[in-house]
């Protein structure tokens, strides 16, 4: 697998192509090698906050080698239309505050992707991820032309559930032992958002802004 990844990396490049999505308060952009120090510090400082809601961290989770391997995988995913990963930065000072991804892209009869996100502990509950998801969903529906975006969260993760509902997702079901999180298979709440629902929501927002 290592040699296969190396070969694909040489073909596609060692990092994702430069993409930058601008919002009023945040920026979503593709990660770069120069992000490592800031990214690793934020992830390390937030480990106790993040670990209960994420897959088990590998031994090289916050090492430079591990970060470069991430970038290589992101580059392959971007160029093969399998996934799109971003870092989230604060627009005022360009400080890195989290990340958003669209993974497991399925084309053909599905035209679907799965949404994932994380934010550093000291930046949580300030509305930054709400703003970041708006940019990610606009990218998913307007640029990738997806029909549907899916998301899931742990039943006790009330903050994530509120975020998804606020972003327009519908709660669609309950999946037993859906994903391995923090070292064990755990149940999840399932959410979905259609392109048609996003378009209606976007039009309503523009109408409200015009009236105001």
Protein backbone atom coordinates (compact mmCIF):
# COMPACT_ATOMS: atom_id res chain seq x y z
CA UNK A 1 0.00 0.00 0.00
CA UNK A 2 2.88 2.38 0.79
CA UNK A 3 4.44 2.07 -2.67
CA UNK A 4 1.02 2.38 -4.30
CA UNK A 5 0.33 5.58 -2.38
CA UNK A 6 3.76 6.95 -3.29
CA UNK A 7 3.11 6.26 -6.96
CA UNK A 8 -0.27 7.97 -6.86
CA UNK A 9 1.23 10.91 -4.98
CA UNK A 10 3.83 11.43 -7.72
CA UNK A 11 1.04 11.33 -10.28
CA UNK A 12 -1.33 13.67 -8.45
CA UNK A 13 0.99 15.83 -6.35
CA UNK A 14 1.87 15.86 -2.65
CA UNK A 15 -0.91 18.25 -1.59
CA UNK A 16 -4.44 19.12 -2.71
CA UNK A 17 -4.88 21.82 -5.36
CA UNK A 18 -5.19 25.34 -3.90
CA UNK A 19 -8.85 26.18 -3.24
CA UNK A 20 -10.07 29.00 -0.99
CA UNK A 21 -13.70 29.63 0.01
CA UNK A 22 -14.36 32.99 1.67
CA UNK A 23 -17.09 33.74 4.21
CA UNK A 24 -17.73 36.85 6.32
CA UNK A 25 -15.88 35.45 9.35
CA UNK A 26 -14.08 32.31 8.18
CA UNK A 27 -12.12 30.85 5.29
CA UNK A 28 -12.20 27.24 4.12
CA UNK A 29 -9.06 26.34 2.20
CA UNK A 30 -7.06 23.31 1.24
CA UNK A 31 -4.32 22.43 3.76
CA UNK A 32 -0.63 23.03 3.08
CA UNK A 33 2.61 21.67 4.53
CA UNK A 34 3.20 25.00 6.24
CA UNK A 35 0.06 24.41 8.35
CA UNK A 36 1.65 21.59 10.31
CA UNK A 37 2.88 23.45 13.41
CA UNK A 38 -0.37 25.34 13.93
CA UNK A 39 -2.51 22.29 13.11
CA UNK A 40 -0.55 19.96 15.40
CA UNK A 41 -0.62 22.42 18.30
CA UNK A 42 -4.36 22.93 17.99
CA UNK A 43 -5.08 19.19 17.72
CA UNK A 44 -2.78 18.40 20.66
CA UNK A 45 -4.24 21.12 22.89
CA UNK A 46 -7.77 19.92 22.00
CA UNK A 47 -7.18 16.18 22.25
CA UNK A 48 -9.30 15.57 25.35
CA UNK A 49 -12.07 17.65 23.77
CA UNK A 50 -11.96 15.89 20.37
CA UNK A 51 -11.02 12.27 21.10
CA UNK A 52 -14.43 11.14 22.46
CA UNK A 53 -16.02 12.06 19.12
CA UNK A 54 -13.38 10.82 16.66
CA UNK A 55 -11.86 7.52 15.50
CA UNK A 56 -8.94 6.42 17.71
CA UNK A 57 -5.88 8.54 17.09
CA UNK A 58 -2.96 6.60 15.52
CA UNK A 59 0.51 6.84 17.04
CA UNK A 60 1.58 9.38 14.41
CA UNK A 61 -1.62 11.45 14.71
CA UNK A 62 0.15 14.77 15.30
CA UNK A 63 3.59 14.07 13.83
CA UNK A 64 5.01 15.79 10.77
CA UNK A 65 5.23 12.46 8.94
CA UNK A 66 1.61 11.71 9.74
CA UNK A 67 0.55 15.15 8.53
CA UNK A 68 2.39 14.74 5.23
CA UNK A 69 0.67 11.38 4.78
CA UNK A 70 -2.67 13.12 5.31
CA UNK A 71 -1.84 15.68 2.63
CA UNK A 72 -0.89 12.91 0.21
CA UNK A 73 -4.20 11.14 0.80
CA UNK A 74 -6.10 14.42 0.45
CA UNK A 75 -4.37 15.12 -2.86
CA UNK A 76 -5.36 11.72 -4.24
CA UNK A 77 -8.93 12.12 -2.99
CA UNK A 78 -9.29 15.58 -4.52
CA UNK A 79 -8.00 14.61 -7.94
CA UNK A 80 -9.97 11.35 -8.06
CA UNK A 81 -13.20 13.03 -6.87
CA UNK A 82 -13.37 10.80 -3.79
CA UNK A 83 -13.13 13.46 -1.10
CA UNK A 84 -12.48 17.12 -0.35
CA UNK A 85 -10.74 18.20 2.86
CA UNK A 86 -10.31 21.74 4.12
CA UNK A 87 -8.84 23.57 7.07
CA UNK A 88 -11.01 26.24 8.67
CA UNK A 89 -9.33 29.56 9.49
CA UNK A 90 -10.57 32.75 11.06
CA UNK A 91 -10.74 35.44 8.40
CA UNK A 92 -9.67 38.33 10.64
CA UNK A 93 -6.24 36.91 11.47
CA UNK A 94 -5.97 33.66 9.41
CA UNK A 95 -5.63 31.58 12.60
CA UNK A 96 -6.34 27.88 11.99
CA UNK A 97 -9.36 26.87 14.10
CA UNK A 98 -10.61 23.53 12.71
CA UNK A 99 -11.37 21.42 9.66
CA UNK A 100 -14.23 20.30 7.39
CA UNK A 101 -14.36 17.41 4.94
CA UNK A 102 -16.60 15.92 2.30
CA UNK A 103 -15.64 12.25 2.10
CA UNK A 104 -16.80 9.03 0.49
CA UNK A 105 -18.12 10.81 -2.60
CA UNK A 106 -20.42 8.51 -4.58
CA UNK A 107 -21.33 9.46 -8.13
CA UNK A 108 -23.74 7.89 -10.60
CA UNK A 109 -27.11 7.01 -9.09
CA UNK A 110 -26.13 8.47 -5.68
CA UNK A 111 -24.31 11.83 -6.15
CA UNK A 112 -23.72 11.87 -2.40
CA UNK A 113 -20.96 12.65 0.10
CA UNK A 114 -20.48 12.42 3.86
CA UNK A 115 -19.79 15.56 5.88
CA UNK A 116 -17.24 15.64 8.70
CA UNK A 117 -15.91 18.47 10.84
CA UNK A 118 -13.87 19.34 13.93
CA UNK A 119 -13.00 22.53 15.77
CA UNK A 120 -10.34 23.37 18.34
CA UNK A 121 -11.64 23.54 21.90
CA UNK A 122 -10.87 27.22 22.45
CA UNK A 123 -12.82 28.16 19.30
CA UNK A 124 -15.91 26.04 19.97
CA UNK A 125 -19.42 27.47 20.50
CA UNK A 126 -18.60 30.79 18.83
CA UNK A 127 -20.47 30.19 15.56
CA UNK A 128 -17.36 29.54 13.48
CA UNK A 129 -18.32 26.02 12.44
CA UNK A 130 -21.83 27.17 11.49
CA UNK A 131 -20.18 29.62 9.09
CA UNK A 132 -17.74 26.96 7.87
CA UNK A 133 -20.51 24.47 7.06
CA UNK A 134 -22.31 27.09 4.97
CA UNK A 135 -19.21 27.35 2.78
CA UNK A 136 -18.74 23.59 2.63
CA UNK A 137 -22.36 22.95 1.67
CA UNK A 138 -22.29 25.65 -0.99
CA UNK A 139 -19.19 23.95 -2.41
CA UNK A 140 -20.88 20.54 -2.26
CA UNK A 141 -24.09 21.57 -4.02
CA UNK A 142 -23.04 24.46 -6.25
CA UNK A 143 -19.59 23.31 -7.38
CA UNK A 144 -19.58 19.53 -6.96
CA UNK A 145 -23.24 19.36 -8.05
CA UNK A 146 -24.07 16.74 -5.44
CA UNK A 147 -27.67 15.67 -4.93
CA UNK A 148 -27.32 14.89 -1.23
CA UNK A 149 -24.97 15.36 1.72
CA UNK A 150 -25.10 13.01 4.70
CA UNK A 151 -23.84 13.45 8.25
CA UNK A 152 -23.89 11.53 11.53
CA UNK A 153 -23.21 12.29 15.18
CA UNK A 154 -23.20 10.47 18.49
CA UNK A 155 -26.61 10.62 20.22
CA UNK A 156 -25.16 12.41 23.26
CA UNK A 157 -23.31 15.02 21.14
CA UNK A 158 -26.01 17.66 21.48
CA UNK A 159 -23.79 20.47 20.18
CA UNK A 160 -23.19 18.61 16.89
CA UNK A 161 -26.87 17.72 16.57
CA UNK A 162 -27.86 21.38 17.00
CA UNK A 163 -25.24 22.44 14.46
CA UNK A 164 -26.55 20.04 11.82
CA UNK A 165 -30.17 21.02 12.36
CA UNK A 166 -29.25 24.71 12.24
CA UNK A 167 -27.41 24.07 8.96
CA UNK A 168 -30.56 22.65 7.37
CA UNK A 169 -30.09 18.91 7.86
CA UNK A 170 -33.01 16.62 8.67
CA UNK A 171 -32.63 13.93 11.32
CA UNK A 172 -33.38 10.72 9.40
CA UNK A 173 -32.68 7.80 11.67
CA UNK A 174 -30.70 5.92 14.27
CA UNK A 175 -27.93 3.47 13.36
CA UNK A 176 -26.70 0.87 15.83
CA UNK A 177 -22.91 0.59 16.16
CA UNK A 178 -22.55 2.71 13.03
CA UNK A 179 -18.91 3.84 13.38
CA UNK A 180 -15.89 2.99 15.51
CA UNK A 181 -15.36 6.11 17.63
CA UNK A 182 -12.81 6.46 20.43
CA UNK A 183 -11.96 2.77 20.17
CA UNK A 184 -15.43 1.20 20.18
CA UNK A 185 -18.42 0.74 17.89
CA UNK A 186 -21.01 3.37 18.75
CA UNK A 187 -24.57 4.23 17.77
CA UNK A 188 -25.16 7.36 15.68
CA UNK A 189 -27.95 9.71 14.68
CA UNK A 190 -28.18 10.04 10.88
CA UNK A 191 -28.86 13.27 9.02
CA UNK A 192 -29.39 14.26 5.38
CA UNK A 193 -29.66 17.40 3.26
CA UNK A 194 -30.78 17.51 -0.39
CA UNK A 195 -29.65 19.98 -3.04
CA UNK A 196 -33.26 21.10 -3.50
CA UNK A 197 -33.55 21.84 0.23
CA UNK A 198 -30.27 23.75 0.18
CA UNK A 199 -31.40 25.81 -2.83
CA UNK A 200 -34.69 26.69 -1.14
CA UNK A 201 -32.87 27.62 2.05
CA UNK A 202 -30.39 29.74 0.09
CA UNK A 203 -33.16 31.54 -1.80
CA UNK A 204 -34.98 32.26 1.46
CA UNK A 205 -31.83 33.77 2.93
CA UNK A 206 -31.36 36.02 -0.10
CA UNK A 207 -35.02 37.09 0.09
CA UNK A 208 -34.68 37.92 3.77
CA UNK A 209 -31.53 39.93 3.08
CA UNK A 210 -33.28 41.85 0.30
CA UNK A 211 -36.27 42.68 2.46
CA UNK A 212 -34.01 43.84 5.29
